[in-house]
């Protein structure tokens, strides 16, 4: 506990609305946590729906997902790293 459920939608030109968040929230139990990833972002109503949810739901757009992957990449296991092969590049200041 808690169980974290994730839903991912790849719709680059379409923001997810509040109905999608309500549907996702309906699948969660009170002890669950939710992460909703949408490459097209979220409408204001969708953000409000997630914020007022009794069950914690994190909304993650494409920019936030990329920042998350970069920040935690060193903690990924080998299987995850093989799916997203990144190489660090250091720039002199």
C-alpha atoms as a PDB file:
ATOM      1  CA  UNK A   1       0.000   0.000   0.000  1.00  0.00           C
ATOM      2  CA  UNK A   2      -0.619   2.337  -1.556  1.00  0.00           C
ATOM      3  CA  UNK A   3      -1.165   0.954  -5.028  1.00  0.00           C
ATOM      4  CA  UNK A   4      -0.281   3.512  -7.704  1.00  0.00           C
ATOM      5  CA  UNK A   5      -2.341   3.322 -10.880  1.00  0.00           C
ATOM      6  CA  UNK A   6      -1.195   5.106 -14.028  1.00  0.00           C
ATOM      7  CA  UNK A   7      -3.130   5.981 -17.165  1.00  0.00           C
ATOM      8  CA  UNK A   8      -1.244   7.268 -20.206  1.00  0.00           C
ATOM      9  CA  UNK A   9      -2.786   8.992 -23.215  1.00  0.00           C
ATOM     10  CA  UNK A  10      -0.799  10.020 -26.286  1.00  0.00           C
ATOM     11  CA  UNK A  11      -2.858  12.703 -27.963  1.00  0.00           C
ATOM     12  CA  UNK A  12      -0.378  15.485 -28.726  1.00  0.00           C
ATOM     13  CA  UNK A  13      -2.955  17.958 -30.048  1.00  0.00           C
ATOM     14  CA  UNK A  14      -5.791  17.234 -27.606  1.00  0.00           C
ATOM     15  CA  UNK A  15      -5.928  18.325 -23.970  1.00  0.00           C
ATOM     16  CA  UNK A  16      -7.586  15.867 -21.616  1.00  0.00           C
ATOM     17  CA  UNK A  17     -10.797  17.143 -20.055  1.00  0.00           C
ATOM     18  CA  UNK A  18     -12.492  16.695 -16.709  1.00  0.00           C
ATOM     19  CA  UNK A  19     -14.554  13.705 -17.905  1.00  0.00           C
ATOM     20  CA  UNK A  20     -11.386  11.689 -18.516  1.00  0.00           C
ATOM     21  CA  UNK A  21     -10.158  12.502 -15.003  1.00  0.00           C
ATOM     22  CA  UNK A  22     -13.553  11.579 -13.484  1.00  0.00           C
ATOM     23  CA  UNK A  23     -13.475   8.243 -15.316  1.00  0.00           C
ATOM     24  CA  UNK A  24      -9.943   7.563 -14.084  1.00  0.00           C
ATOM     25  CA  UNK A  25     -10.887   8.569 -10.549  1.00  0.00           C
ATOM     26  CA  UNK A  26     -13.821   6.157 -10.686  1.00  0.00           C
ATOM     27  CA  UNK A  27     -11.425   3.247 -11.186  1.00  0.00           C
ATOM     28  CA  UNK A  28      -9.389   4.130  -8.085  1.00  0.00           C
ATOM     29  CA  UNK A  29      -9.987   2.775  -4.593  1.00  0.00           C
ATOM     30  CA  UNK A  30      -9.643   5.078  -1.589  1.00  0.00           C
ATOM     31  CA  UNK A  31      -6.256   3.547  -0.713  1.00  0.00           C
ATOM     32  CA  UNK A  32      -4.900   3.999  -4.265  1.00  0.00           C
ATOM     33  CA  UNK A  33      -2.924   6.856  -5.748  1.00  0.00           C
ATOM     34  CA  UNK A  34      -3.220   7.943  -9.364  1.00  0.00           C
ATOM     35  CA  UNK A  35      -0.945   9.371 -12.020  1.00  0.00           C
ATOM     36  CA  UNK A  36      -2.536  10.535 -15.267  1.00  0.00           C
ATOM     37  CA  UNK A  37      -0.123  11.222 -18.126  1.00  0.00           C
ATOM     38  CA  UNK A  38      -1.298  13.122 -21.195  1.00  0.00           C
ATOM     39  CA  UNK A  39       1.077  14.262 -23.928  1.00  0.00           C
ATOM     40  CA  UNK A  40      -1.509  16.869 -24.955  1.00  0.00           C
ATOM     41  CA  UNK A  41      -1.815  18.440 -21.524  1.00  0.00           C
ATOM     42  CA  UNK A  42      -4.944  19.101 -19.479  1.00  0.00           C
ATOM     43  CA  UNK A  43      -7.809  21.558 -19.514  1.00  0.00           C
ATOM     44  CA  UNK A  44      -8.402  23.881 -16.577  1.00  0.00           C
ATOM     45  CA  UNK A  45     -11.458  21.801 -15.621  1.00  0.00           C
ATOM     46  CA  UNK A  46      -9.368  18.618 -15.616  1.00  0.00           C
ATOM     47  CA  UNK A  47      -6.807  20.221 -13.307  1.00  0.00           C
ATOM     48  CA  UNK A  48      -9.591  21.355 -10.986  1.00  0.00           C
ATOM     49  CA  UNK A  49     -11.100  17.849 -10.990  1.00  0.00           C
ATOM     50  CA  UNK A  50      -7.770  16.306  -9.959  1.00  0.00           C
ATOM     51  CA  UNK A  51      -7.134  18.948  -7.289  1.00  0.00           C
ATOM     52  CA  UNK A  52     -10.485  18.442  -5.572  1.00  0.00           C
ATOM     53  CA  UNK A  53     -10.284  14.647  -5.661  1.00  0.00           C
ATOM     54  CA  UNK A  54     -10.255  12.850  -2.304  1.00  0.00           C
ATOM     55  CA  UNK A  55      -7.891  10.307  -3.863  1.00  0.00           C
ATOM     56  CA  UNK A  56      -4.528  11.903  -4.739  1.00  0.00           C
ATOM     57  CA  UNK A  57      -4.112  12.225  -8.513  1.00  0.00           C
ATOM     58  CA  UNK A  58      -0.997  13.688 -10.128  1.00  0.00           C
ATOM     59  CA  UNK A  59      -1.433  15.121 -13.610  1.00  0.00           C
ATOM     60  CA  UNK A  60       1.667  14.849 -15.763  1.00  0.00           C
ATOM     61  CA  UNK A  61       1.931  16.558 -19.139  1.00  0.00           C
ATOM     62  CA  UNK A  62       4.732  15.884 -21.597  1.00  0.00           C
ATOM     63  CA  UNK A  63       7.070  18.535 -20.165  1.00  0.00           C
ATOM     64  CA  UNK A  64       6.628  17.239 -16.624  1.00  0.00           C
ATOM     65  CA  UNK A  65       7.163  13.656 -17.791  1.00  0.00           C
ATOM     66  CA  UNK A  66      10.447  14.572 -19.501  1.00  0.00           C
ATOM     67  CA  UNK A  67      11.663  16.428 -16.384  1.00  0.00           C
ATOM     68  CA  UNK A  68      10.707  13.426 -14.247  1.00  0.00           C
ATOM     69  CA  UNK A  69      12.610  10.989 -16.474  1.00  0.00           C
ATOM     70  CA  UNK A  70      15.708  13.198 -16.516  1.00  0.00           C
ATOM     71  CA  UNK A  71      15.594  13.762 -12.747  1.00  0.00           C
ATOM     72  CA  UNK A  72      15.181  10.099 -11.779  1.00  0.00           C
ATOM     73  CA  UNK A  73      16.904   8.333 -14.689  1.00  0.00           C
ATOM     74  CA  UNK A  74      19.846   7.236 -12.516  1.00  0.00           C
ATOM     75  CA  UNK A  75      17.379   5.383 -10.247  1.00  0.00           C
ATOM     76  CA  UNK A  76      15.745   3.441 -13.105  1.00  0.00           C
ATOM     77  CA  UNK A  77      16.445  -0.275 -13.303  1.00  0.00           C
ATOM     78  CA  UNK A  78      18.215  -1.740 -16.339  1.00  0.00           C
ATOM     79  CA  UNK A  79      14.957  -2.738 -18.042  1.00  0.00           C
ATOM     80  CA  UNK A  80      13.634   0.827 -17.877  1.00  0.00           C
ATOM     81  CA  UNK A  81      16.952   2.230 -19.059  1.00  0.00           C
ATOM     82  CA  UNK A  82      16.928  -0.125 -22.048  1.00  0.00           C
ATOM     83  CA  UNK A  83      13.543   1.335 -23.062  1.00  0.00           C
ATOM     84  CA  UNK A  84      14.846   4.900 -22.800  1.00  0.00           C
ATOM     85  CA  UNK A  85      18.585   4.825 -23.556  1.00  0.00           C
ATOM     86  CA  UNK A  86      19.972   8.224 -22.533  1.00  0.00           C
ATOM     87  CA  UNK A  87      23.564   9.407 -22.395  1.00  0.00           C
ATOM     88  CA  UNK A  88      24.680  12.219 -20.104  1.00  0.00           C
ATOM     89  CA  UNK A  89      26.490  15.091 -21.784  1.00  0.00           C
ATOM     90  CA  UNK A  90      28.440  17.586 -19.723  1.00  0.00           C
ATOM     91  CA  UNK A  91      28.853  21.160 -20.952  1.00  0.00           C
ATOM     92  CA  UNK A  92      31.707  23.308 -19.667  1.00  0.00           C
ATOM     93  CA  UNK A  93      30.600  26.611 -18.181  1.00  0.00           C
END
